[in-house]
Amino acid sequence: MTTESEKMTSVPAKRPKELLTVREIAAYLRVDDTTVRRWIKAGSLEAITLPHRGKRQAYRIRRTALDAIMLGEQPA
């Protein structure tokens, strides 16, 4: 039996990922990671910048931003 708090915190299995990595976007669009990072830096693809410790900046891209690019819409 699940409690009320468990129902509220569990993510439905069929719900698509809301935040995608640079690598996931690149694989989906069949481009290199560097291309996706270039789009982000140019402002063509809206992304969330994460704190990082490595060589490259870490980003997350909302699925809605990817959908907008696929539909040919300009970022807000």
PDB file of N, CA and C in Angstrom:
ATOM      1  N   MET A   1       0.827  -1.179   0.000  1.00  0.00           N
ATOM      2  CA  MET A   1       0.000   0.000   0.000  1.00  0.00           C
ATOM      3  C   MET A   1       0.880   1.254   0.000  1.00  0.00           C
ATOM      4  N   THR A   2       0.524   2.245  -0.797  1.00  0.00           N
ATOM      5  CA  THR A   2       1.319   3.468  -0.850  1.00  0.00           C
ATOM      6  C   THR A   2       0.669   4.556  -0.019  1.00  0.00           C
ATOM      7  N   THR A   3       1.519   5.348   0.598  1.00  0.00           N
ATOM      8  CA  THR A   3       1.005   6.460   1.399  1.00  0.00           C
ATOM      9  C   THR A   3       0.747   7.651   0.500  1.00  0.00           C
ATOM     10  N   GLU A   4       0.073   8.638   1.019  1.00  0.00           N
ATOM     11  CA  GLU A   4      -0.252   9.836   0.252  1.00  0.00           C
ATOM     12  C   GLU A   4       1.014  10.582  -0.179  1.00  0.00           C
ATOM     13  N   SER A   5       2.016  10.647   0.690  1.00  0.00           N
ATOM     14  CA  SER A   5       3.253  11.348   0.339  1.00  0.00           C
ATOM     15  C   SER A   5       4.019  10.610  -0.762  1.00  0.00           C
ATOM     16  N   GLU A   6       3.974   9.285  -0.786  1.00  0.00           N
ATOM     17  CA  GLU A   6       4.632   8.519  -1.837  1.00  0.00           C
ATOM     18  C   GLU A   6       3.972   8.756  -3.189  1.00  0.00           C
ATOM     19  N   LYS A   7       2.670   8.901  -3.190  1.00  0.00           N
ATOM     20  CA  LYS A   7       1.951   9.166  -4.434  1.00  0.00           C
ATOM     21  C   LYS A   7       2.356  10.513  -5.020  1.00  0.00           C
ATOM     22  N   MET A   8       2.590  11.489  -4.173  1.00  0.00           N
ATOM     23  CA  MET A   8       2.908  12.820  -4.643  1.00  0.00           C
ATOM     24  C   MET A   8       4.349  12.942  -5.138  1.00  0.00           C
ATOM     25  N   THR A   9       5.254  12.146  -4.587  1.00  0.00           N
ATOM     26  CA  THR A   9       6.660  12.264  -4.960  1.00  0.00           C
ATOM     27  C   THR A   9       7.079  11.306  -6.071  1.00  0.00           C
ATOM     28  N   SER A  10       6.288  10.296  -6.347  1.00  0.00           N
ATOM     29  CA  SER A  10       6.686   9.353  -7.387  1.00  0.00           C
ATOM     30  C   SER A  10       6.394   9.940  -8.765  1.00  0.00           C
ATOM     31  N   VAL A  11       7.320   9.691  -9.692  1.00  0.00           N
ATOM     32  CA  VAL A  11       7.189  10.186 -11.056  1.00  0.00           C
ATOM     33  C   VAL A  11       6.533   9.089 -11.880  1.00  0.00           C
ATOM     34  N   PRO A  12       5.507   9.428 -12.649  1.00  0.00           N
ATOM     35  CA  PRO A  12       4.872   8.405 -13.489  1.00  0.00           C
ATOM     36  C   PRO A  12       5.873   7.807 -14.476  1.00  0.00           C
ATOM     37  N   ALA A  13       5.795   6.511 -14.701  1.00  0.00           N
ATOM     38  CA  ALA A  13       6.748   5.820 -15.566  1.00  0.00           C
ATOM     39  C   ALA A  13       6.640   6.270 -17.021  1.00  0.00           C
ATOM     40  N   LYS A  14       5.467   6.649 -17.477  1.00  0.00           N
ATOM     41  CA  LYS A  14       5.281   7.024 -18.875  1.00  0.00           C
ATOM     42  C   LYS A  14       5.640   8.481 -19.145  1.00  0.00           C
ATOM     43  N   ARG A  15       5.892   9.259 -18.125  1.00  0.00           N
ATOM     44  CA  ARG A  15       6.207  10.678 -18.295  1.00  0.00           C
ATOM     45  C   ARG A  15       7.609  10.829 -18.875  1.00  0.00           C
ATOM     46  N   PRO A  16       7.754  11.561 -19.989  1.00  0.00           N
ATOM     47  CA  PRO A  16       9.090  11.718 -20.580  1.00  0.00           C
ATOM     48  C   PRO A  16       9.978  12.591 -19.705  1.00  0.00           C
ATOM     49  N   LYS A  17      11.275  12.434 -19.866  1.00  0.00           N
ATOM     50  CA  LYS A  17      12.216  13.256 -19.109  1.00  0.00           C
ATOM     51  C   LYS A  17      12.021  14.710 -19.485  1.00  0.00           C
ATOM     52  N   GLU A  18      11.935  15.560 -18.495  1.00  0.00           N
ATOM     53  CA  GLU A  18      11.726  16.980 -18.741  1.00  0.00           C
ATOM     54  C   GLU A  18      13.042  17.703 -19.048  1.00  0.00           C
ATOM     55  N   LEU A  19      14.127  17.267 -18.416  1.00  0.00           N
ATOM     56  CA  LEU A  19      15.440  17.884 -18.645  1.00  0.00           C
ATOM     57  C   LEU A  19      16.353  16.876 -19.323  1.00  0.00           C
ATOM     58  N   LEU A  20      16.978  17.312 -20.402  1.00  0.00           N
ATOM     59  CA  LEU A  20      17.854  16.439 -21.176  1.00  0.00           C
ATOM     60  C   LEU A  20      19.285  16.955 -21.129  1.00  0.00           C
ATOM     61  N   THR A  21      20.229  16.057 -21.270  1.00  0.00           N
ATOM     62  CA  THR A  21      21.638  16.444 -21.280  1.00  0.00           C
ATOM     63  C   THR A  21      22.050  16.840 -22.696  1.00  0.00           C
ATOM     64  N   VAL A  22      23.193  17.474 -22.786  1.00  0.00           N
ATOM     65  CA  VAL A  22      23.752  17.838 -24.091  1.00  0.00           C
ATOM     66  C   VAL A  22      23.944  16.579 -24.930  1.00  0.00           C
ATOM     67  N   ARG A  23      24.447  15.536 -24.328  1.00  0.00           N
ATOM     68  CA  ARG A  23      24.693  14.281 -25.036  1.00  0.00           C
ATOM     69  C   ARG A  23      23.394  13.660 -25.558  1.00  0.00           C
ATOM     70  N   GLU A  24      22.315  13.721 -24.754  1.00  0.00           N
ATOM     71  CA  GLU A  24      21.031  13.175 -25.195  1.00  0.00           C
ATOM     72  C   GLU A  24      20.477  13.958 -26.387  1.00  0.00           C
ATOM     73  N   ILE A  25      20.595  15.286 -26.331  1.00  0.00           N
ATOM     74  CA  ILE A  25      20.134  16.126 -27.436  1.00  0.00           C
ATOM     75  C   ILE A  25      20.952  15.821 -28.689  1.00  0.00           C
ATOM     76  N   ALA A  26      22.268  15.731 -28.533  1.00  0.00           N
ATOM     77  CA  ALA A  26      23.150  15.456 -29.668  1.00  0.00           C
ATOM     78  C   ALA A  26      22.826  14.100 -30.304  1.00  0.00           C
ATOM     79  N   ALA A  27      22.612  13.096 -29.488  1.00  0.00           N
ATOM     80  CA  ALA A  27      22.287  11.766 -30.012  1.00  0.00           C
ATOM     81  C   ALA A  27      20.949  11.788 -30.744  1.00  0.00           C
ATOM     82  N   TYR A  28      19.969  12.472 -30.186  1.00  0.00           N
ATOM     83  CA  TYR A  28      18.647  12.542 -30.794  1.00  0.00           C
ATOM     84  C   TYR A  28      18.699  13.241 -32.153  1.00  0.00           C
ATOM     85  N   LEU A  29      19.462  14.332 -32.231  1.00  0.00           N
ATOM     86  CA  LEU A  29      19.549  15.115 -33.465  1.00  0.00           C
ATOM     87  C   LEU A  29      20.654  14.638 -34.405  1.00  0.00           C
ATOM     88  N   ARG A  30      21.437  13.646 -33.943  1.00  0.00           N
ATOM     89  CA  ARG A  30      22.549  13.079 -34.717  1.00  0.00           C
ATOM     90  C   ARG A  30      23.583  14.139 -35.092  1.00  0.00           C
ATOM     91  N   VAL A  31      23.955  14.910 -34.075  1.00  0.00           N
ATOM     92  CA  VAL A  31      25.018  15.902 -34.229  1.00  0.00           C
ATOM     93  C   VAL A  31      26.030  15.678 -33.103  1.00  0.00           C
ATOM     94  N   ASP A  32      27.144  16.357 -33.180  1.00  0.00           N
ATOM     95  CA  ASP A  32      28.172  16.244 -32.151  1.00  0.00           C
ATOM     96  C   ASP A  32      27.784  17.086 -30.925  1.00  0.00           C
ATOM     97  N   ASP A  33      28.275  16.687 -29.757  1.00  0.00           N
ATOM     98  CA  ASP A  33      28.042  17.448 -28.521  1.00  0.00           C
ATOM     99  C   ASP A  33      28.468  18.904 -28.673  1.00  0.00           C
ATOM    100  N   THR A  34      29.584  19.112 -29.371  1.00  0.00           N
ATOM    101  CA  THR A  34      30.111  20.463 -29.562  1.00  0.00           C
ATOM    102  C   THR A  34      29.114  21.346 -30.309  1.00  0.00           C
ATOM    103  N   THR A  35      28.396  20.773 -31.244  1.00  0.00           N
ATOM    104  CA  THR A  35      27.391  21.519 -31.994  1.00  0.00           C
ATOM    105  C   THR A  35      26.280  21.998 -31.074  1.00  0.00           C
ATOM    106  N   VAL A  36      25.814  21.128 -30.198  1.00  0.00           N
ATOM    107  CA  VAL A  36      24.755  21.496 -29.252  1.00  0.00           C
ATOM    108  C   VAL A  36      25.260  22.594 -28.323  1.00  0.00           C
ATOM    109  N   ARG A  37      26.478  22.464 -27.837  1.00  0.00           N
ATOM    110  CA  ARG A  37      27.056  23.497 -26.964  1.00  0.00           C
ATOM    111  C   ARG A  37      27.195  24.821 -27.699  1.00  0.00           C
ATOM    112  N   ARG A  38      27.526  24.780 -28.972  1.00  0.00           N
ATOM    113  CA  ARG A  38      27.631  25.996 -29.789  1.00  0.00           C
ATOM    114  C   ARG A  38      26.269  26.662 -29.918  1.00  0.00           C
ATOM    115  N   TRP A  39      25.210  25.874 -30.130  1.00  0.00           N
ATOM    116  CA  TRP A  39      23.850  26.407 -30.214  1.00  0.00           C
ATOM    117  C   TRP A  39      23.450  27.090 -28.912  1.00  0.00           C
ATOM    118  N   ILE A  40      23.830  26.473 -27.791  1.00  0.00           N
ATOM    119  CA  ILE A  40      23.499  27.048 -26.482  1.00  0.00           C
ATOM    120  C   ILE A  40      24.218  28.383 -26.308  1.00  0.00           C
ATOM    121  N   LYS A  41      25.508  28.406 -26.592  1.00  0.00           N
ATOM    122  CA  LYS A  41      26.293  29.642 -26.433  1.00  0.00           C
ATOM    123  C   LYS A  41      25.828  30.747 -27.371  1.00  0.00           C
ATOM    124  N   ALA A  42      25.334  30.380 -28.556  1.00  0.00           N
ATOM    125  CA  ALA A  42      24.845  31.358 -29.529  1.00  0.00           C
ATOM    126  C   ALA A  42      23.432  31.842 -29.203  1.00  0.00           C
ATOM    127  N   GLY A  43      22.765  31.159 -28.255  1.00  0.00           N
ATOM    128  CA  GLY A  43      21.411  31.550 -27.891  1.00  0.00           C
ATOM    129  C   GLY A  43      20.331  30.909 -28.751  1.00  0.00           C
ATOM    130  N   SER A  44      20.706  29.976 -29.608  1.00  0.00           N
ATOM    131  CA  SER A  44      19.739  29.287 -30.457  1.00  0.00           C
ATOM    132  C   SER A  44      18.973  28.206 -29.710  1.00  0.00           C
ATOM    133  N   LEU A  45      19.564  27.700 -28.643  1.00  0.00           N
ATOM    134  CA  LEU A  45      18.940  26.655 -27.832  1.00  0.00           C
ATOM    135  C   LEU A  45      19.010  27.079 -26.373  1.00  0.00           C
ATOM    136  N   GLU A  46      17.862  27.214 -25.765  1.00  0.00           N
ATOM    137  CA  GLU A  46      17.790  27.646 -24.364  1.00  0.00           C
ATOM    138  C   GLU A  46      18.191  26.497 -23.450  1.00  0.00           C
ATOM    139  N   ALA A  47      19.061  26.772 -22.475  1.00  0.00           N
ATOM    140  CA  ALA A  47      19.552  25.735 -21.574  1.00  0.00           C
ATOM    141  C   ALA A  47      19.731  26.280 -20.169  1.00  0.00           C
ATOM    142  N   ILE A  48      19.747  25.373 -19.214  1.00  0.00           N
ATOM    143  CA  ILE A  48      20.003  25.696 -17.814  1.00  0.00           C
ATOM    144  C   ILE A  48      21.476  25.382 -17.557  1.00  0.00           C
ATOM    145  N   THR A  49      22.190  26.347 -17.020  1.00  0.00           N
ATOM    146  CA  THR A  49      23.608  26.156 -16.722  1.00  0.00           C
ATOM    147  C   THR A  49      23.747  25.587 -15.313  1.00  0.00           C
ATOM    148  N   LEU A  50      24.501  24.510 -15.197  1.00  0.00           N
ATOM    149  CA  LEU A  50      24.720  23.857 -13.912  1.00  0.00           C
ATOM    150  C   LEU A  50      26.135  24.131 -13.419  1.00  0.00           C
ATOM    151  N   PRO A  51      26.325  24.089 -12.097  1.00  0.00           N
ATOM    152  CA  PRO A  51      27.692  24.202 -11.579  1.00  0.00           C
ATOM    153  C   PRO A  51      28.516  23.006 -12.074  1.00  0.00           C
ATOM    154  N   HIS A  52      29.792  23.213 -12.311  1.00  0.00           N
ATOM    155  CA  HIS A  52      30.613  22.123 -12.827  1.00  0.00           C
ATOM    156  C   HIS A  52      32.003  22.156 -12.219  1.00  0.00           C
ATOM    157  N   ARG A  53      32.678  21.024 -12.314  1.00  0.00           N
ATOM    158  CA  ARG A  53      34.048  20.901 -11.833  1.00  0.00           C
ATOM    159  C   ARG A  53      34.983  20.418 -12.929  1.00  0.00           C
ATOM    160  N   GLY A  54      34.420  19.933 -13.995  1.00  0.00           N
ATOM    161  CA  GLY A  54      35.239  19.351 -15.056  1.00  0.00           C
ATOM    162  C   GLY A  54      35.702  20.362 -16.078  1.00  0.00           C
ATOM    163  N   LYS A  55      36.094  19.855 -17.225  1.00  0.00           N
ATOM    164  CA  LYS A  55      36.625  20.684 -18.299  1.00  0.00           C
ATOM    165  C   LYS A  55      35.528  21.474 -19.000  1.00  0.00           C
ATOM    166  N   ARG A  56      34.341  20.913 -19.076  1.00  0.00           N
ATOM    167  CA  ARG A  56      33.270  21.531 -19.848  1.00  0.00           C
ATOM    168  C   ARG A  56      32.130  21.976 -18.948  1.00  0.00           C
ATOM    169  N   GLN A  57      31.461  23.033 -19.370  1.00  0.00           N
ATOM    170  CA  GLN A  57      30.290  23.533 -18.663  1.00  0.00           C
ATOM    171  C   GLN A  57      29.165  22.502 -18.791  1.00  0.00           C
ATOM    172  N   ALA A  58      28.417  22.305 -17.711  1.00  0.00           N
ATOM    173  CA  ALA A  58      27.297  21.357 -17.721  1.00  0.00           C
ATOM    174  C   ALA A  58      25.994  22.112 -17.975  1.00  0.00           C
ATOM    175  N   TYR A  59      25.160  21.548 -18.838  1.00  0.00           N
ATOM    176  CA  TYR A  59      23.877  22.145 -19.183  1.00  0.00           C
ATOM    177  C   TYR A  59      22.770  21.100 -19.091  1.00  0.00           C
ATOM    178  N   ARG A  60      21.546  21.583 -18.930  1.00  0.00           N
ATOM    179  CA  ARG A  60      20.351  20.766 -19.077  1.00  0.00           C
ATOM    180  C   ARG A  60      19.403  21.552 -19.967  1.00  0.00           C
ATOM    181  N   ILE A  61      18.771  20.847 -20.871  1.00  0.00           N
ATOM    182  CA  ILE A  61      17.878  21.477 -21.829  1.00  0.00           C
ATOM    183  C   ILE A  61      16.469  20.954 -21.579  1.00  0.00           C
ATOM    184  N   ARG A  62      15.529  21.868 -21.475  1.00  0.00           N
ATOM    185  CA  ARG A  62      14.136  21.460 -21.287  1.00  0.00           C
ATOM    186  C   ARG A  62      13.620  20.823 -22.573  1.00  0.00           C
ATOM    187  N   ARG A  63      12.787  19.815 -22.402  1.00  0.00           N
ATOM    188  CA  ARG A  63      12.193  19.140 -23.558  1.00  0.00           C
ATOM    189  C   ARG A  63      11.411  20.137 -24.415  1.00  0.00           C
ATOM    190  N   THR A  64      10.768  21.121 -23.784  1.00  0.00           N
ATOM    191  CA  THR A  64      10.009  22.123 -24.533  1.00  0.00           C
ATOM    192  C   THR A  64      10.919  22.955 -25.436  1.00  0.00           C
ATOM    193  N   ALA A  65      12.161  23.204 -24.997  1.00  0.00           N
ATOM    194  CA  ALA A  65      13.121  23.942 -25.829  1.00  0.00           C
ATOM    195  C   ALA A  65      13.513  23.113 -27.051  1.00  0.00           C
ATOM    196  N   LEU A  66      13.687  21.810 -26.853  1.00  0.00           N
ATOM    197  CA  LEU A  66      13.993  20.933 -27.983  1.00  0.00           C
ATOM    198  C   LEU A  66      12.816  20.897 -28.948  1.00  0.00           C
ATOM    199  N   ASP A  67      11.607  20.783 -28.407  1.00  0.00           N
ATOM    200  CA  ASP A  67      10.406  20.765 -29.249  1.00  0.00           C
ATOM    201  C   ASP A  67      10.293  22.051 -30.061  1.00  0.00           C
ATOM    202  N   ALA A  68      10.611  23.188 -29.447  1.00  0.00           N
ATOM    203  CA  ALA A  68      10.546  24.473 -30.139  1.00  0.00           C
ATOM    204  C   ALA A  68      11.530  24.514 -31.302  1.00  0.00           C
ATOM    205  N   ILE A  69      12.738  23.999 -31.070  1.00  0.00           N
ATOM    206  CA  ILE A  69      13.743  23.952 -32.142  1.00  0.00           C
ATOM    207  C   ILE A  69      13.255  23.047 -33.282  1.00  0.00           C
ATOM    208  N   MET A  70      12.669  21.923 -32.925  1.00  0.00           N
ATOM    209  CA  MET A  70      12.189  20.979 -33.938  1.00  0.00           C
ATOM    210  C   MET A  70      11.058  21.587 -34.769  1.00  0.00           C
ATOM    211  N   LEU A  71      10.275  22.471 -34.158  1.00  0.00           N
ATOM    212  CA  LEU A  71       9.165  23.118 -34.870  1.00  0.00           C
ATOM    213  C   LEU A  71       9.601  24.396 -35.575  1.00  0.00           C
ATOM    214  N   GLY A  72      10.869  24.761 -35.427  1.00  0.00           N
ATOM    215  CA  GLY A  72      11.393  25.940 -36.090  1.00  0.00           C
ATOM    216  C   GLY A  72      11.061  27.242 -35.393  1.00  0.00           C
ATOM    217  N   GLU A  73      10.693  27.183 -34.119  1.00  0.00           N
ATOM    218  CA  GLU A  73      10.369  28.396 -33.350  1.00  0.00           C
ATOM    219  C   GLU A  73      11.641  29.010 -32.781  1.00  0.00           C
ATOM    220  N   GLN A  74      11.649  30.318 -32.626  1.00  0.00           N
ATOM    221  CA  GLN A  74      12.782  31.033 -32.043  1.00  0.00           C
ATOM    222  C   GLN A  74      12.685  30.965 -30.513  1.00  0.00           C
ATOM    223  N   PRO A  75      13.831  30.919 -29.809  1.00  0.00           N
ATOM    224  CA  PRO A  75      13.793  30.920 -28.350  1.00  0.00           C
ATOM    225  C   PRO A  75      13.253  32.249 -27.821  1.00  0.00           C
ATOM    226  N   ALA A  76      12.576  32.158 -26.677  1.00  0.00           N
ATOM    227  CA  ALA A  76      11.960  33.356 -26.089  1.00  0.00           C
ATOM    228  C   ALA A  76      12.976  34.262 -25.450  1.00  0.00           C
TER     229      ALA A  76
END
